[in-house]
Amino acid sequence: MTLQDLIQNMTPDIYSNLRQAVELRKWPNGVRLTEEQVELCMEAVIRFEIQHNLPAADRVGFMEDQCESDKEHTDIIKIMH
């Protein structure tokens, strides 16, 4: 069975468990993931999200387009002695 076969047969529950395992760096039973497991789980999560056309905002690693420091309006603070 290939990785692609596994992704095609992955349920939303399995996806959620893998995503949480990557986020917490441990399995639901508390056992810590190895670096290899983190990488493999992350790849499976990303492939699942792409295959199921999840909106970008729901995908792992999503960041808003604009960070706070890039906002158009910036308040100016005057320091007076």
PDB file of N, CA and C in Angstrom:
ATOM      1  N   MET A   1       0.850  -1.177   0.000  1.00  0.00           N
ATOM      2  CA  MET A   1       0.000   0.000   0.000  1.00  0.00           C
ATOM      3  C   MET A   1       0.897   1.241   0.000  1.00  0.00           C
ATOM      4  N   THR A   2       0.582   2.183  -0.864  1.00  0.00           N
ATOM      5  CA  THR A   2       1.384   3.397  -0.974  1.00  0.00           C
ATOM      6  C   THR A   2       0.838   4.479  -0.042  1.00  0.00           C
ATOM      7  N   LEU A   3       1.616   5.538   0.111  1.00  0.00           N
ATOM      8  CA  LEU A   3       1.163   6.670   0.919  1.00  0.00           C
ATOM      9  C   LEU A   3      -0.113   7.262   0.326  1.00  0.00           C
ATOM     10  N   GLN A   4      -0.174   7.336  -0.991  1.00  0.00           N
ATOM     11  CA  GLN A   4      -1.371   7.868  -1.651  1.00  0.00           C
ATOM     12  C   GLN A   4      -2.597   7.007  -1.342  1.00  0.00           C
ATOM     13  N   ASP A   5      -2.430   5.692  -1.302  1.00  0.00           N
ATOM     14  CA  ASP A   5      -3.538   4.796  -0.939  1.00  0.00           C
ATOM     15  C   ASP A   5      -3.998   5.068   0.491  1.00  0.00           C
ATOM     16  N   LEU A   6      -3.040   5.266   1.377  1.00  0.00           N
ATOM     17  CA  LEU A   6      -3.381   5.557   2.772  1.00  0.00           C
ATOM     18  C   LEU A   6      -4.150   6.867   2.891  1.00  0.00           C
ATOM     19  N   ILE A   7      -3.720   7.876   2.152  1.00  0.00           N
ATOM     20  CA  ILE A   7      -4.392   9.178   2.183  1.00  0.00           C
ATOM     21  C   ILE A   7      -5.821   9.050   1.655  1.00  0.00           C
ATOM     22  N   GLN A   8      -5.996   8.297   0.582  1.00  0.00           N
ATOM     23  CA  GLN A   8      -7.330   8.123   0.003  1.00  0.00           C
ATOM     24  C   GLN A   8      -8.274   7.411   0.964  1.00  0.00           C
ATOM     25  N   ASN A   9      -7.744   6.544   1.809  1.00  0.00           N
ATOM     26  CA  ASN A   9      -8.570   5.795   2.749  1.00  0.00           C
ATOM     27  C   ASN A   9      -8.647   6.446   4.127  1.00  0.00           C
ATOM     28  N   MET A  10      -8.002   7.587   4.298  1.00  0.00           N
ATOM     29  CA  MET A  10      -7.975   8.260   5.597  1.00  0.00           C
ATOM     30  C   MET A  10      -9.335   8.900   5.885  1.00  0.00           C
ATOM     31  N   THR A  11      -9.830   8.677   7.090  1.00  0.00           N
ATOM     32  CA  THR A  11     -11.096   9.281   7.506  1.00  0.00           C
ATOM     33  C   THR A  11     -10.822  10.651   8.136  1.00  0.00           C
ATOM     34  N   PRO A  12     -11.847  11.482   8.243  1.00  0.00           N
ATOM     35  CA  PRO A  12     -11.666  12.769   8.926  1.00  0.00           C
ATOM     36  C   PRO A  12     -11.189  12.611  10.374  1.00  0.00           C
ATOM     37  N   ASP A  13     -11.610  11.536  11.047  1.00  0.00           N
ATOM     38  CA  ASP A  13     -11.150  11.300  12.423  1.00  0.00           C
ATOM     39  C   ASP A  13      -9.653  11.009  12.465  1.00  0.00           C
ATOM     40  N   ILE A  14      -9.185  10.201  11.533  1.00  0.00           N
ATOM     41  CA  ILE A  14      -7.752   9.898  11.473  1.00  0.00           C
ATOM     42  C   ILE A  14      -6.975  11.171  11.165  1.00  0.00           C
ATOM     43  N   TYR A  15      -7.486  11.965  10.217  1.00  0.00           N
ATOM     44  CA  TYR A  15      -6.849  13.245   9.885  1.00  0.00           C
ATOM     45  C   TYR A  15      -6.742  14.123  11.132  1.00  0.00           C
ATOM     46  N   SER A  16      -7.822  14.244  11.878  1.00  0.00           N
ATOM     47  CA  SER A  16      -7.821  15.074  13.092  1.00  0.00           C
ATOM     48  C   SER A  16      -6.811  14.572  14.109  1.00  0.00           C
ATOM     49  N   ASN A  17      -6.747  13.253  14.282  1.00  0.00           N
ATOM     50  CA  ASN A  17      -5.787  12.680  15.230  1.00  0.00           C
ATOM     51  C   ASN A  17      -4.348  12.932  14.796  1.00  0.00           C
ATOM     52  N   LEU A  18      -4.071  12.782  13.498  1.00  0.00           N
ATOM     53  CA  LEU A  18      -2.717  13.044  13.001  1.00  0.00           C
ATOM     54  C   LEU A  18      -2.358  14.515  13.152  1.00  0.00           C
ATOM     55  N   ARG A  19      -3.299  15.381  12.829  1.00  0.00           N
ATOM     56  CA  ARG A  19      -3.044  16.822  12.947  1.00  0.00           C
ATOM     57  C   ARG A  19      -2.762  17.205  14.398  1.00  0.00           C
ATOM     58  N   GLN A  20      -3.552  16.672  15.315  1.00  0.00           N
ATOM     59  CA  GLN A  20      -3.330  16.963  16.730  1.00  0.00           C
ATOM     60  C   GLN A  20      -1.997  16.393  17.196  1.00  0.00           C
ATOM     61  N   ALA A  21      -1.642  15.219  16.718  1.00  0.00           N
ATOM     62  CA  ALA A  21      -0.360  14.616  17.087  1.00  0.00           C
ATOM     63  C   ALA A  21       0.800  15.493  16.629  1.00  0.00           C
ATOM     64  N   VAL A  22       0.699  16.053  15.432  1.00  0.00           N
ATOM     65  CA  VAL A  22       1.751  16.943  14.935  1.00  0.00           C
ATOM     66  C   VAL A  22       1.802  18.214  15.775  1.00  0.00           C
ATOM     67  N   GLU A  23       0.639  18.784  16.080  1.00  0.00           N
ATOM     68  CA  GLU A  23       0.585  20.022  16.857  1.00  0.00           C
ATOM     69  C   GLU A  23       1.180  19.843  18.250  1.00  0.00           C
ATOM     70  N   LEU A  24       0.847  18.723  18.895  1.00  0.00           N
ATOM     71  CA  LEU A  24       1.299  18.485  20.267  1.00  0.00           C
ATOM     72  C   LEU A  24       2.622  17.729  20.346  1.00  0.00           C
ATOM     73  N   ARG A  25       3.035  17.158  19.211  1.00  0.00           N
ATOM     74  CA  ARG A  25       4.256  16.340  19.135  1.00  0.00           C
ATOM     75  C   ARG A  25       4.159  15.084  19.997  1.00  0.00           C
ATOM     76  N   LYS A  26       2.923  14.613  20.187  1.00  0.00           N
ATOM     77  CA  LYS A  26       2.738  13.350  20.909  1.00  0.00           C
ATOM     78  C   LYS A  26       1.437  12.703  20.471  1.00  0.00           C
ATOM     79  N   TRP A  27       1.395  11.385  20.628  1.00  0.00           N
ATOM     80  CA  TRP A  27       0.214  10.608  20.291  1.00  0.00           C
ATOM     81  C   TRP A  27      -0.845  10.809  21.365  1.00  0.00           C
ATOM     82  N   PRO A  28      -2.103  10.444  21.078  1.00  0.00           N
ATOM     83  CA  PRO A  28      -3.158  10.595  22.084  1.00  0.00           C
ATOM     84  C   PRO A  28      -2.856   9.879  23.407  1.00  0.00           C
ATOM     85  N   ASN A  29      -2.045   8.813  23.361  1.00  0.00           N
ATOM     86  CA  ASN A  29      -1.704   8.096  24.599  1.00  0.00           C
ATOM     87  C   ASN A  29      -0.542   8.746  25.351  1.00  0.00           C
ATOM     88  N   GLY A  30      -0.027   9.873  24.839  1.00  0.00           N
ATOM     89  CA  GLY A  30       1.029  10.608  25.526  1.00  0.00           C
ATOM     90  C   GLY A  30       2.442  10.303  25.070  1.00  0.00           C
ATOM     91  N   VAL A  31       2.617   9.283  24.236  1.00  0.00           N
ATOM     92  CA  VAL A  31       3.954   8.920  23.751  1.00  0.00           C
ATOM     93  C   VAL A  31       4.420   9.979  22.754  1.00  0.00           C
ATOM     94  N   ARG A  32       5.640  10.456  22.945  1.00  0.00           N
ATOM     95  CA  ARG A  32       6.206  11.510  22.098  1.00  0.00           C
ATOM     96  C   ARG A  32       6.508  10.982  20.692  1.00  0.00           C
ATOM     97  N   LEU A  33       6.216  11.807  19.665  1.00  0.00           N
ATOM     98  CA  LEU A  33       6.525  11.447  18.282  1.00  0.00           C
ATOM     99  C   LEU A  33       8.015  11.620  18.022  1.00  0.00           C
ATOM    100  N   THR A  34       8.576  10.724  17.226  1.00  0.00           N
ATOM    101  CA  THR A  34       9.953  10.899  16.772  1.00  0.00           C
ATOM    102  C   THR A  34       9.939  11.947  15.655  1.00  0.00           C
ATOM    103  N   GLU A  35      11.101  12.469  15.317  1.00  0.00           N
ATOM    104  CA  GLU A  35      11.176  13.446  14.223  1.00  0.00           C
ATOM    105  C   GLU A  35      10.647  12.845  12.918  1.00  0.00           C
ATOM    106  N   GLU A  36      10.975  11.578  12.673  1.00  0.00           N
ATOM    107  CA  GLU A  36      10.489  10.915  11.459  1.00  0.00           C
ATOM    108  C   GLU A  36       8.963  10.825  11.461  1.00  0.00           C
ATOM    109  N   GLN A  37       8.382  10.500  12.615  1.00  0.00           N
ATOM    110  CA  GLN A  37       6.930  10.415  12.714  1.00  0.00           C
ATOM    111  C   GLN A  37       6.278  11.777  12.487  1.00  0.00           C
ATOM    112  N   VAL A  38       6.893  12.829  13.026  1.00  0.00           N
ATOM    113  CA  VAL A  38       6.369  14.180  12.815  1.00  0.00           C
ATOM    114  C   VAL A  38       6.349  14.499  11.325  1.00  0.00           C
ATOM    115  N   GLU A  39       7.452  14.218  10.645  1.00  0.00           N
ATOM    116  CA  GLU A  39       7.551  14.498   9.209  1.00  0.00           C
ATOM    117  C   GLU A  39       6.520  13.704   8.407  1.00  0.00           C
ATOM    118  N   LEU A  40       6.392  12.417   8.703  1.00  0.00           N
ATOM    119  CA  LEU A  40       5.445  11.574   7.969  1.00  0.00           C
ATOM    120  C   LEU A  40       3.997  11.988   8.235  1.00  0.00           C
ATOM    121  N   CYS A  41       3.691  12.283   9.484  1.00  0.00           N
ATOM    122  CA  CYS A  41       2.333  12.718   9.825  1.00  0.00           C
ATOM    123  C   CYS A  41       2.016  14.058   9.175  1.00  0.00           C
ATOM    124  N   MET A  42       2.986  14.969   9.182  1.00  0.00           N
ATOM    125  CA  MET A  42       2.781  16.279   8.559  1.00  0.00           C
ATOM    126  C   MET A  42       2.517  16.122   7.063  1.00  0.00           C
ATOM    127  N   GLU A  43       3.283  15.263   6.422  1.00  0.00           N
ATOM    128  CA  GLU A  43       3.073  15.024   4.990  1.00  0.00           C
ATOM    129  C   GLU A  43       1.679  14.453   4.738  1.00  0.00           C
ATOM    130  N   ALA A  44       1.261  13.514   5.566  1.00  0.00           N
ATOM    131  CA  ALA A  44      -0.068  12.916   5.404  1.00  0.00           C
ATOM    132  C   ALA A  44      -1.164  13.960   5.612  1.00  0.00           C
ATOM    133  N   VAL A  45      -0.997  14.812   6.604  1.00  0.00           N
ATOM    134  CA  VAL A  45      -1.980  15.863   6.882  1.00  0.00           C
ATOM    135  C   VAL A  45      -2.083  16.821   5.697  1.00  0.00           C
ATOM    136  N   ILE A  46      -0.940  17.270   5.189  1.00  0.00           N
ATOM    137  CA  ILE A  46      -0.935  18.210   4.059  1.00  0.00           C
ATOM    138  C   ILE A  46      -1.554  17.572   2.822  1.00  0.00           C
ATOM    139  N   ARG A  47      -1.200  16.325   2.552  1.00  0.00           N
ATOM    140  CA  ARG A  47      -1.766  15.640   1.376  1.00  0.00           C
ATOM    141  C   ARG A  47      -3.278  15.462   1.513  1.00  0.00           C
ATOM    142  N   PHE A  48      -3.743  15.138   2.716  1.00  0.00           N
ATOM    143  CA  PHE A  48      -5.180  14.995   2.960  1.00  0.00           C
ATOM    144  C   PHE A  48      -5.891  16.321   2.695  1.00  0.00           C
ATOM    145  N   GLU A  49      -5.319  17.414   3.195  1.00  0.00           N
ATOM    146  CA  GLU A  49      -5.934  18.732   3.022  1.00  0.00           C
ATOM    147  C   GLU A  49      -6.020  19.114   1.549  1.00  0.00           C
ATOM    148  N   ILE A  50      -4.977  18.814   0.799  1.00  0.00           N
ATOM    149  CA  ILE A  50      -4.972  19.127  -0.633  1.00  0.00           C
ATOM    150  C   ILE A  50      -5.982  18.250  -1.371  1.00  0.00           C
ATOM    151  N   GLN A  51      -5.962  16.955  -1.079  1.00  0.00           N
ATOM    152  CA  GLN A  51      -6.851  16.018  -1.770  1.00  0.00           C
ATOM    153  C   GLN A  51      -8.321  16.335  -1.507  1.00  0.00           C
ATOM    154  N   HIS A  52      -8.627  16.819  -0.300  1.00  0.00           N
ATOM    155  CA  HIS A  52     -10.013  17.105   0.062  1.00  0.00           C
ATOM    156  C   HIS A  52     -10.365  18.584  -0.113  1.00  0.00           C
ATOM    157  N   ASN A  53      -9.478  19.329  -0.761  1.00  0.00           N
ATOM    158  CA  ASN A  53      -9.728  20.743  -1.080  1.00  0.00           C
ATOM    159  C   ASN A  53     -10.192  21.558   0.119  1.00  0.00           C
ATOM    160  N   LEU A  54      -9.526  21.372   1.262  1.00  0.00           N
ATOM    161  CA  LEU A  54      -9.862  22.176   2.426  1.00  0.00           C
ATOM    162  C   LEU A  54      -9.537  23.637   2.135  1.00  0.00           C
ATOM    163  N   PRO A  55     -10.362  24.564   2.617  1.00  0.00           N
ATOM    164  CA  PRO A  55     -10.056  25.982   2.418  1.00  0.00           C
ATOM    165  C   PRO A  55      -8.705  26.316   3.055  1.00  0.00           C
ATOM    166  N   ALA A  56      -8.001  27.249   2.461  1.00  0.00           N
ATOM    167  CA  ALA A  56      -6.665  27.607   2.948  1.00  0.00           C
ATOM    168  C   ALA A  56      -6.684  27.964   4.430  1.00  0.00           C
ATOM    169  N   ALA A  57      -7.728  28.639   4.876  1.00  0.00           N
ATOM    170  CA  ALA A  57      -7.806  29.061   6.276  1.00  0.00           C
ATOM    171  C   ALA A  57      -7.918  27.879   7.239  1.00  0.00           C
ATOM    172  N   ASP A  58      -8.332  26.720   6.750  1.00  0.00           N
ATOM    173  CA  ASP A  58      -8.482  25.536   7.599  1.00  0.00           C
ATOM    174  C   ASP A  58      -7.274  24.613   7.548  1.00  0.00           C
ATOM    175  N   ARG A  59      -6.307  24.941   6.711  1.00  0.00           N
ATOM    176  CA  ARG A  59      -5.144  24.068   6.547  1.00  0.00           C
ATOM    177  C   ARG A  59      -4.095  24.322   7.617  1.00  0.00           C
ATOM    178  N   VAL A  60      -3.326  23.293   7.887  1.00  0.00           N
ATOM    179  CA  VAL A  60      -2.250  23.404   8.860  1.00  0.00           C
ATOM    180  C   VAL A  60      -1.237  24.442   8.364  1.00  0.00           C
ATOM    181  N   GLY A  61      -0.757  25.276   9.281  1.00  0.00           N
ATOM    182  CA  GLY A  61       0.242  26.278   8.938  1.00  0.00           C
ATOM    183  C   GLY A  61      -0.318  27.552   8.347  1.00  0.00           C
ATOM    184  N   PHE A  62      -1.645  27.687   8.280  1.00  0.00           N
ATOM    185  CA  PHE A  62      -2.240  28.887   7.697  1.00  0.00           C
ATOM    186  C   PHE A  62      -1.911  30.109   8.535  1.00  0.00           C
ATOM    187  N   MET A  63      -1.545  31.181   7.845  1.00  0.00           N
ATOM    188  CA  MET A  63      -1.293  32.463   8.507  1.00  0.00           C
ATOM    189  C   MET A  63      -2.094  33.535   7.780  1.00  0.00           C
ATOM    190  N   GLU A  64      -2.618  34.482   8.536  1.00  0.00           N
ATOM    191  CA  GLU A  64      -3.346  35.598   7.942  1.00  0.00           C
ATOM    192  C   GLU A  64      -2.454  36.306   6.934  1.00  0.00           C
ATOM    193  N   ASP A  65      -3.073  36.929   5.938  1.00  0.00           N
ATOM    194  CA  ASP A  65      -2.318  37.651   4.918  1.00  0.00           C
ATOM    195  C   ASP A  65      -1.518  38.811   5.482  1.00  0.00           C
ATOM    196  N   GLN A  66      -2.051  39.450   6.484  1.00  0.00           N
ATOM    197  CA  GLN A  66      -1.437  40.668   6.973  1.00  0.00           C
ATOM    198  C   GLN A  66      -1.092  40.515   8.447  1.00  0.00           C
ATOM    199  N   CYS A  67       0.147  40.803   8.776  1.00  0.00           N
ATOM    200  CA  CYS A  67       0.520  40.753  10.185  1.00  0.00           C
ATOM    201  C   CYS A  67       0.204  42.105  10.809  1.00  0.00           C
ATOM    202  N   GLU A  68       0.168  42.165  12.111  1.00  0.00           N
ATOM    203  CA  GLU A  68      -0.192  43.380  12.821  1.00  0.00           C
ATOM    204  C   GLU A  68       0.687  44.564  12.431  1.00  0.00           C
ATOM    205  N   SER A  69       1.973  44.343  12.216  1.00  0.00           N
ATOM    206  CA  SER A  69       2.886  45.444  11.910  1.00  0.00           C
ATOM    207  C   SER A  69       2.698  45.986  10.495  1.00  0.00           C
ATOM    208  N   ASP A  70       1.986  45.273   9.633  1.00  0.00           N
ATOM    209  CA  ASP A  70       1.782  45.721   8.257  1.00  0.00           C
ATOM    210  C   ASP A  70       0.438  46.406   8.034  1.00  0.00           C
ATOM    211  N   LYS A  71      -0.318  46.600   9.085  1.00  0.00           N
ATOM    212  CA  LYS A  71      -1.618  47.238   8.916  1.00  0.00           C
ATOM    213  C   LYS A  71      -1.441  48.669   8.427  1.00  0.00           C
ATOM    214  N   GLU A  72      -2.424  49.150   7.684  1.00  0.00           N
ATOM    215  CA  GLU A  72      -2.341  50.481   7.097  1.00  0.00           C
ATOM    216  C   GLU A  72      -2.264  51.576   8.148  1.00  0.00           C
ATOM    217  N   HIS A  73      -3.049  51.471   9.176  1.00  0.00           N
ATOM    218  CA  HIS A  73      -3.099  52.517  10.190  1.00  0.00           C
ATOM    219  C   HIS A  73      -2.177  52.150  11.348  1.00  0.00           C
ATOM    220  N   THR A  74      -1.264  53.039  11.631  1.00  0.00           N
ATOM    221  CA  THR A  74      -0.351  52.823  12.744  1.00  0.00           C
ATOM    222  C   THR A  74      -0.514  53.967  13.726  1.00  0.00           C
ATOM    223  N   ASP A  75      -0.705  53.649  14.986  1.00  0.00           N
ATOM    224  CA  ASP A  75      -0.797  54.684  16.012  1.00  0.00           C
ATOM    225  C   ASP A  75       0.595  55.189  16.341  1.00  0.00           C
ATOM    226  N   ILE A  76       0.707  56.496  16.455  1.00  0.00           N
ATOM    227  CA  ILE A  76       1.985  57.100  16.815  1.00  0.00           C
ATOM    228  C   ILE A  76       1.910  57.486  18.278  1.00  0.00           C
ATOM    229  N   ILE A  77       2.912  57.098  19.000  1.00  0.00           N
ATOM    230  CA  ILE A  77       2.971  57.395  20.426  1.00  0.00           C
ATOM    231  C   ILE A  77       4.058  58.432  20.649  1.00  0.00           C
ATOM    232  N   LYS A  78       3.713  59.520  21.333  1.00  0.00           N
ATOM    233  CA  LYS A  78       4.691  60.550  21.675  1.00  0.00           C
ATOM    234  C   LYS A  78       5.111  60.343  23.111  1.00  0.00           C
ATOM    235  N   ILE A  79       6.395  60.272  23.323  1.00  0.00           N
ATOM    236  CA  ILE A  79       6.913  60.141  24.685  1.00  0.00           C
ATOM    237  C   ILE A  79       7.327  61.530  25.144  1.00  0.00           C
ATOM    238  N   MET A  80       6.744  61.982  26.227  1.00  0.00           N
ATOM    239  CA  MET A  80       7.038  63.322  26.749  1.00  0.00           C
ATOM    240  C   MET A  80       7.762  63.188  28.074  1.00  0.00           C
ATOM    241  N   HIS A  81       8.771  64.024  28.259  1.00  0.00           N
ATOM    242  CA  HIS A  81       9.543  63.993  29.516  1.00  0.00           C
ATOM    243  C   HIS A  81       9.003  64.972  30.498  1.00  0.00           C
TER     244      HIS A  81
END
